[in-house]
Structure formats: C-alpha cells, structure tokens
Amino acid sequence: MHIILVRHGRPDHRAASWSTPAGMKTWVQRYNAANVVGHERPEPLRRLAGSAGIVVCSSLMRCVESRTYLGCDCIHLPDPLFAEAHLPYLDLNYPLMPARVWRLTFRTAWFLGFANHSEPVAESRKRAGAAADRLIELAETHGTVLLMGHKIMNALIAAQLRRRGWRGPALPLMATYWGASHYRKET
C-alpha cells in the first residue's frame, strides 16, 4: 500500500507583506482565497496522480485547484478532514511587523498551545489521526492514494502514519509547493 502526501501548488497570494497581529486574519483569508499558479505544476506529479488508484484533497480552494491542475479523474469530493490547521492570531492592532515574522511566531505559539481564533493543536492532531485512518482505508481499497494537502496538516498526518507502522520521511516535503512524500506499508 502506498500513500502520497502532496503540498498544494503555490498560491498567487497578494496580501500585504507587513501586518499587525489582528491583520493576520485578513492575511490568512487572502491566502485561502488565492488562486494557484497552475503553470508551475511538475509533469512527474501529473503522471504520479494519473497512476494513483485515487486522488483526494482538502476542501480549501488551493488544494481543490491544485488537484484540478493534475488532470486526474477525481471522483471524491474535497474533504474538510484534510484542511490546513489554521493560524492563530491576536486581536491587537500593533506592532506592525513583516507577515512572515507573525506567521512564524503564531505557528510556533500554536504548537505550544496558543489557539486564539483557530483549532487547538490537540484537535488538529486528533483530526490528523482520523485523516490518516481515512487514507489507510482508501489505500486498502485502491492500493495507492494521493492526497493534495497542506504544509502543517500533511506533517501531522505523516506523524500519524508513521505511528501506524508506515515507512516514509518523518517530515514530508513541507517547504516545497507541489512536493510529494511517499509512505508505504506492506500488506
């Protein structure tokens, strides 16, 4: 059995590069609404998706659009189970700092338990366990499953797969758009 975790394509995100803590809400909304830069899709990934028994994706637009760019016959509806663990933020209108600093700060804080305006890390891990179970069910039926997912949620799902005896990298290709990481388990 084979599960492939893929990070979506690069969003054409045009939000401000500087933000306040409260402004990160708008930053994330714009990121979630951005279209994917489709011409960047790697041809080997299209072939990989074409050879998979089934291709599933998150319900967030960047994954739905990325899956469409793969040109596969996708019979499953996008599933919120695979959606990204959202970024928390504070309701403060100061200080103004680079959005990348706030992203790193709030994501680190999220892993430490800060979940203002977002799903707590414990709930995201629980959801990742359910997502891993769903992917395993699909792999048992279809042999190979490709998930068009997200940076953080793919990492959480990978940890759950490895706990269930699947072989693959401890951390999937998180930093790379269109990056594919492979997990296998003998039947």
C-alpha atoms as a PDB file:
ATOM      1  CA  MET A   1       0.000   0.000   0.000  1.00  0.00           C
ATOM      2  CA  HIS A   2       1.177   3.472  -0.836  1.00  0.00           C
ATOM      3  CA  ILE A   3       0.090   6.929   0.398  1.00  0.00           C
ATOM      4  CA  ILE A   4       1.490  10.064  -1.218  1.00  0.00           C
ATOM      5  CA  LEU A   5       1.189  13.360   0.642  1.00  0.00           C
ATOM      6  CA  VAL A   6       1.499  16.360  -1.695  1.00  0.00           C
ATOM      7  CA  ARG A   7       1.563  20.019  -0.777  1.00  0.00           C
ATOM      8  CA  HIS A   8      -0.658  22.177  -2.985  1.00  0.00           C
ATOM      9  CA  GLY A   9       0.714  24.482  -5.684  1.00  0.00           C
ATOM     10  CA  ARG A  10       1.950  27.997  -4.952  1.00  0.00           C
ATOM     11  CA  PRO A  11      -0.932  30.399  -4.270  1.00  0.00           C
ATOM     12  CA  ASP A  12      -0.908  33.682  -6.147  1.00  0.00           C
ATOM     13  CA  HIS A  13      -1.102  35.486  -2.807  1.00  0.00           C
ATOM     14  CA  ARG A  14      -1.076  39.263  -2.968  1.00  0.00           C
ATOM     15  CA  ALA A  15      -1.652  40.189   0.675  1.00  0.00           C
ATOM     16  CA  ALA A  16       0.443  42.852   2.373  1.00  0.00           C
ATOM     17  CA  SER A  17       3.932  41.784   3.343  1.00  0.00           C
ATOM     18  CA  TRP A  18       3.624  43.711   6.640  1.00  0.00           C
ATOM     19  CA  SER A  19       0.875  43.202   9.198  1.00  0.00           C
ATOM     20  CA  THR A  20      -0.319  43.756  12.727  1.00  0.00           C
ATOM     21  CA  PRO A  21      -1.289  40.713  14.802  1.00  0.00           C
ATOM     22  CA  ALA A  22      -5.004  41.347  14.098  1.00  0.00           C
ATOM     23  CA  GLY A  23      -4.212  41.947  10.426  1.00  0.00           C
ATOM     24  CA  MET A  24      -3.098  38.332  10.111  1.00  0.00           C
ATOM     25  CA  LYS A  25      -6.774  37.364   9.972  1.00  0.00           C
ATOM     26  CA  THR A  26      -7.074  39.207   6.648  1.00  0.00           C
ATOM     27  CA  TRP A  27      -3.684  37.884   5.512  1.00  0.00           C
ATOM     28  CA  VAL A  28      -4.891  34.289   6.035  1.00  0.00           C
ATOM     29  CA  GLN A  29      -8.257  34.986   4.381  1.00  0.00           C
ATOM     30  CA  ARG A  30      -6.465  36.301   1.293  1.00  0.00           C
ATOM     31  CA  TYR A  31      -4.101  33.327   1.293  1.00  0.00           C
ATOM     32  CA  ASN A  32      -7.100  30.972   1.475  1.00  0.00           C
ATOM     33  CA  ALA A  33      -8.832  32.804  -1.395  1.00  0.00           C
ATOM     34  CA  ALA A  34      -5.799  32.993  -3.691  1.00  0.00           C
ATOM     35  CA  ASN A  35      -5.732  31.048  -6.937  1.00  0.00           C
ATOM     36  CA  VAL A  36      -2.907  28.622  -7.596  1.00  0.00           C
ATOM     37  CA  VAL A  37      -0.182  29.432 -10.104  1.00  0.00           C
ATOM     38  CA  GLY A  38      -1.047  26.465 -12.303  1.00  0.00           C
ATOM     39  CA  HIS A  39       1.705  26.667 -14.873  1.00  0.00           C
ATOM     40  CA  GLU A  40       4.256  25.603 -12.247  1.00  0.00           C
ATOM     41  CA  ARG A  41       2.872  22.109 -11.775  1.00  0.00           C
ATOM     42  CA  PRO A  42       5.548  19.480 -12.311  1.00  0.00           C
ATOM     43  CA  GLU A  43       4.849  16.969 -15.043  1.00  0.00           C
ATOM     44  CA  PRO A  44       6.132  13.994 -12.973  1.00  0.00           C
ATOM     45  CA  LEU A  45       3.449  14.781 -10.368  1.00  0.00           C
ATOM     46  CA  ARG A  46       0.760  14.696 -13.073  1.00  0.00           C
ATOM     47  CA  ARG A  47       1.982  11.227 -14.078  1.00  0.00           C
ATOM     48  CA  LEU A  48       2.076  10.135 -10.425  1.00  0.00           C
ATOM     49  CA  ALA A  49      -1.506  11.326  -9.900  1.00  0.00           C
ATOM     50  CA  GLY A  50      -2.558   9.531 -13.071  1.00  0.00           C
ATOM     51  CA  SER A  51      -1.135   6.266 -11.787  1.00  0.00           C
ATOM     52  CA  ALA A  52      -2.682   6.563  -8.300  1.00  0.00           C
ATOM     53  CA  GLY A  53      -5.712   4.459  -7.526  1.00  0.00           C
ATOM     54  CA  ILE A  54      -7.446   7.533  -6.082  1.00  0.00           C
ATOM     55  CA  VAL A  55      -6.673  11.241  -5.622  1.00  0.00           C
ATOM     56  CA  VAL A  56      -8.266  13.126  -2.731  1.00  0.00           C
ATOM     57  CA  CYS A  57      -7.875  16.674  -1.491  1.00  0.00           C
ATOM     58  CA  SER A  58      -8.595  19.203   1.216  1.00  0.00           C
ATOM     59  CA  SER A  59     -11.678  21.385   0.873  1.00  0.00           C
ATOM     60  CA  LEU A  60      -9.606  24.586   0.759  1.00  0.00           C
ATOM     61  CA  MET A  61      -9.527  26.174  -2.695  1.00  0.00           C
ATOM     62  CA  ARG A  62      -5.747  25.972  -3.191  1.00  0.00           C
ATOM     63  CA  CYS A  63      -5.923  22.182  -2.865  1.00  0.00           C
ATOM     64  CA  VAL A  64      -9.058  21.799  -4.981  1.00  0.00           C
ATOM     65  CA  GLU A  65      -7.480  23.904  -7.730  1.00  0.00           C
ATOM     66  CA  SER A  66      -4.125  22.101  -7.434  1.00  0.00           C
ATOM     67  CA  ARG A  67      -5.855  18.734  -7.767  1.00  0.00           C
ATOM     68  CA  THR A  68      -7.644  20.007 -10.876  1.00  0.00           C
ATOM     69  CA  TYR A  69      -4.308  21.019 -12.419  1.00  0.00           C
ATOM     70  CA  LEU A  70      -3.120  17.417 -12.071  1.00  0.00           C
ATOM     71  CA  GLY A  71      -5.672  16.421 -14.702  1.00  0.00           C
ATOM     72  CA  CYS A  72      -6.732  13.265 -12.880  1.00  0.00           C
ATOM     73  CA  ASP A  73     -10.163  11.655 -12.782  1.00  0.00           C
ATOM     74  CA  CYS A  74     -11.199  12.786  -9.297  1.00  0.00           C
ATOM     75  CA  ILE A  75     -14.393  11.144  -8.071  1.00  0.00           C
ATOM     76  CA  HIS A  76     -14.143  12.122  -4.409  1.00  0.00           C
ATOM     77  CA  LEU A  77     -15.413  15.471  -3.182  1.00  0.00           C
ATOM     78  CA  PRO A  78     -12.922  17.754  -1.425  1.00  0.00           C
ATOM     79  CA  ASP A  79     -12.853  16.838   2.266  1.00  0.00           C
ATOM     80  CA  PRO A  80     -12.512  19.295   5.195  1.00  0.00           C
ATOM     81  CA  LEU A  81     -10.900  16.463   7.201  1.00  0.00           C
ATOM     82  CA  PHE A  82      -7.677  17.206   5.274  1.00  0.00           C
ATOM     83  CA  ALA A  83      -7.884  21.034   5.608  1.00  0.00           C
ATOM     84  CA  GLU A  84      -4.955  23.017   6.976  1.00  0.00           C
ATOM     85  CA  ALA A  85      -4.595  23.732  10.675  1.00  0.00           C
ATOM     86  CA  HIS A  86      -5.333  27.446  10.664  1.00  0.00           C
ATOM     87  CA  LEU A  87      -3.009  30.085  12.045  1.00  0.00           C
ATOM     88  CA  PRO A  88      -3.996  31.710  15.345  1.00  0.00           C
ATOM     89  CA  TYR A  89      -3.659  35.454  15.845  1.00  0.00           C
ATOM     90  CA  LEU A  90      -4.098  38.161  18.468  1.00  0.00           C
ATOM     91  CA  ASP A  91      -6.677  40.957  18.369  1.00  0.00           C
ATOM     92  CA  LEU A  92      -4.004  43.675  18.561  1.00  0.00           C
ATOM     93  CA  ASN A  93      -3.528  46.475  16.061  1.00  0.00           C
ATOM     94  CA  TYR A  94       0.148  46.913  16.898  1.00  0.00           C
ATOM     95  CA  PRO A  95       3.031  46.397  16.280  1.00  0.00           C
ATOM     96  CA  LEU A  96       3.400  46.401  12.516  1.00  0.00           C
ATOM     97  CA  MET A  97       5.916  43.714  11.504  1.00  0.00           C
ATOM     98  CA  PRO A  98       6.627  41.523   8.483  1.00  0.00           C
ATOM     99  CA  ALA A  99       3.815  38.993   7.988  1.00  0.00           C
ATOM    100  CA  ARG A 100       6.396  36.178   7.798  1.00  0.00           C
ATOM    101  CA  VAL A 101       7.517  37.076  11.358  1.00  0.00           C
ATOM    102  CA  TRP A 102       3.914  36.871  12.583  1.00  0.00           C
ATOM    103  CA  ARG A 103       3.411  33.569  10.730  1.00  0.00           C
ATOM    104  CA  LEU A 104       6.456  32.026  12.385  1.00  0.00           C
ATOM    105  CA  THR A 105       5.596  33.499  15.796  1.00  0.00           C
ATOM    106  CA  PHE A 106       1.953  32.421  15.745  1.00  0.00           C
ATOM    107  CA  ARG A 107       2.663  28.946  14.326  1.00  0.00           C
ATOM    108  CA  THR A 108       5.317  28.343  16.987  1.00  0.00           C
ATOM    109  CA  ALA A 109       2.885  29.595  19.646  1.00  0.00           C
ATOM    110  CA  TRP A 110       0.201  27.320  18.195  1.00  0.00           C
ATOM    111  CA  PHE A 111       2.440  24.268  18.631  1.00  0.00           C
ATOM    112  CA  LEU A 112       2.923  25.408  22.255  1.00  0.00           C
ATOM    113  CA  GLY A 113      -0.838  25.629  22.877  1.00  0.00           C
ATOM    114  CA  PHE A 114      -1.908  29.126  21.716  1.00  0.00           C
ATOM    115  CA  ALA A 115      -5.063  28.709  19.613  1.00  0.00           C
ATOM    116  CA  ASN A 116      -6.830  32.080  19.598  1.00  0.00           C
ATOM    117  CA  HIS A 117      -9.256  32.036  16.612  1.00  0.00           C
ATOM    118  CA  SER A 118      -8.084  28.581  15.490  1.00  0.00           C
ATOM    119  CA  GLU A 119      -8.366  24.877  16.174  1.00  0.00           C
ATOM    120  CA  PRO A 120      -6.077  23.857  19.076  1.00  0.00           C
ATOM    121  CA  VAL A 121      -3.063  21.724  18.178  1.00  0.00           C
ATOM    122  CA  ALA A 122      -4.508  18.760  20.116  1.00  0.00           C
ATOM    123  CA  GLU A 123      -7.670  18.894  17.986  1.00  0.00           C
ATOM    124  CA  SER A 124      -5.625  19.179  14.792  1.00  0.00           C
ATOM    125  CA  ARG A 125      -3.591  16.128  15.819  1.00  0.00           C
ATOM    126  CA  LYS A 126      -6.808  14.242  16.521  1.00  0.00           C
ATOM    127  CA  ARG A 127      -8.145  15.253  13.095  1.00  0.00           C
ATOM    128  CA  ALA A 128      -4.822  14.182  11.519  1.00  0.00           C
ATOM    129  CA  GLY A 129      -5.298  10.753  13.124  1.00  0.00           C
ATOM    130  CA  ALA A 130      -8.758  10.495  11.560  1.00  0.00           C
ATOM    131  CA  ALA A 131      -7.290  11.677   8.230  1.00  0.00           C
ATOM    132  CA  ALA A 132      -4.553   9.018   8.421  1.00  0.00           C
ATOM    133  CA  ASP A 133      -7.180   6.361   9.136  1.00  0.00           C
ATOM    134  CA  ARG A 134      -9.208   7.533   6.126  1.00  0.00           C
ATOM    135  CA  LEU A 135      -6.140   7.468   3.858  1.00  0.00           C
ATOM    136  CA  ILE A 136      -5.278   3.966   5.074  1.00  0.00           C
ATOM    137  CA  GLU A 137      -8.837   2.787   4.309  1.00  0.00           C
ATOM    138  CA  LEU A 138      -8.528   4.230   0.817  1.00  0.00           C
ATOM    139  CA  ALA A 139      -5.096   2.613   0.350  1.00  0.00           C
ATOM    140  CA  GLU A 140      -6.528  -0.751   1.366  1.00  0.00           C
ATOM    141  CA  THR A 141      -9.168  -0.369  -1.351  1.00  0.00           C
ATOM    142  CA  HIS A 142      -7.230   1.428  -4.107  1.00  0.00           C
ATOM    143  CA  GLY A 143      -3.588   0.464  -3.464  1.00  0.00           C
ATOM    144  CA  THR A 144      -2.183   3.969  -3.980  1.00  0.00           C
ATOM    145  CA  VAL A 145      -3.714   7.180  -2.612  1.00  0.00           C
ATOM    146  CA  LEU A 146      -2.528  10.688  -3.412  1.00  0.00           C
ATOM    147  CA  LEU A 147      -3.616  13.465  -1.036  1.00  0.00           C
ATOM    148  CA  MET A 148      -3.392  17.052  -2.240  1.00  0.00           C
ATOM    149  CA  GLY A 149      -2.946  18.679   1.138  1.00  0.00           C
ATOM    150  CA  HIS A 150      -1.208  21.341   3.171  1.00  0.00           C
ATOM    151  CA  LYS A 151       2.106  22.035   4.857  1.00  0.00           C
ATOM    152  CA  ILE A 152       1.216  21.590   8.540  1.00  0.00           C
ATOM    153  CA  MET A 153      -1.630  19.082   8.182  1.00  0.00           C
ATOM    154  CA  ASN A 154       0.494  16.847   5.934  1.00  0.00           C
ATOM    155  CA  ALA A 155       3.197  16.862   8.621  1.00  0.00           C
ATOM    156  CA  LEU A 156       0.637  15.897  11.285  1.00  0.00           C
ATOM    157  CA  ILE A 157      -0.780  13.151   9.044  1.00  0.00           C
ATOM    158  CA  ALA A 158       2.743  11.854   8.326  1.00  0.00           C
ATOM    159  CA  ALA A 159       3.384  11.524  12.069  1.00  0.00           C
ATOM    160  CA  GLN A 160       0.158   9.540  12.434  1.00  0.00           C
ATOM    161  CA  LEU A 161       1.021   7.262   9.507  1.00  0.00           C
ATOM    162  CA  ARG A 162       4.439   6.527  10.981  1.00  0.00           C
ATOM    163  CA  ARG A 163       2.817   5.726  14.355  1.00  0.00           C
ATOM    164  CA  ARG A 164       0.683   3.209  12.496  1.00  0.00           C
ATOM    165  CA  GLY A 165       3.750   1.472  11.043  1.00  0.00           C
ATOM    166  CA  TRP A 166       4.027   3.194   7.668  1.00  0.00           C
ATOM    167  CA  ARG A 167       7.521   3.854   6.294  1.00  0.00           C
ATOM    168  CA  GLY A 168       8.361   7.297   4.961  1.00  0.00           C
ATOM    169  CA  PRO A 169      10.022  10.560   5.933  1.00  0.00           C
ATOM    170  CA  ALA A 170       9.416  11.920   9.437  1.00  0.00           C
ATOM    171  CA  LEU A 171       8.619  15.277   7.868  1.00  0.00           C
ATOM    172  CA  PRO A 172       7.063  15.457   4.416  1.00  0.00           C
ATOM    173  CA  LEU A 173       8.335  17.957   1.842  1.00  0.00           C
ATOM    174  CA  MET A 174       6.670  20.827   3.667  1.00  0.00           C
ATOM    175  CA  ALA A 175       8.531  23.809   2.292  1.00  0.00           C
ATOM    176  CA  THR A 176       8.118  22.818  -1.351  1.00  0.00           C
ATOM    177  CA  TYR A 177       4.945  23.600  -3.290  1.00  0.00           C
ATOM    178  CA  TRP A 178       3.929  20.515  -5.262  1.00  0.00           C
ATOM    179  CA  GLY A 179       6.315  18.487  -3.051  1.00  0.00           C
ATOM    180  CA  ALA A 180       5.413  14.787  -2.771  1.00  0.00           C
ATOM    181  CA  SER A 181       6.347  12.496   0.118  1.00  0.00           C
ATOM    182  CA  HIS A 182       5.793   8.747  -0.073  1.00  0.00           C
ATOM    183  CA  TYR A 183       4.612   6.422   2.723  1.00  0.00           C
ATOM    184  CA  ARG A 184       4.429   2.670   2.287  1.00  0.00           C
ATOM    185  CA  LYS A 185       3.257  -0.330   4.226  1.00  0.00           C
ATOM    186  CA  GLU A 186       3.444  -3.950   3.172  1.00  0.00           C
ATOM    187  CA  THR A 187       0.136  -5.811   3.096  1.00  0.00           C
END
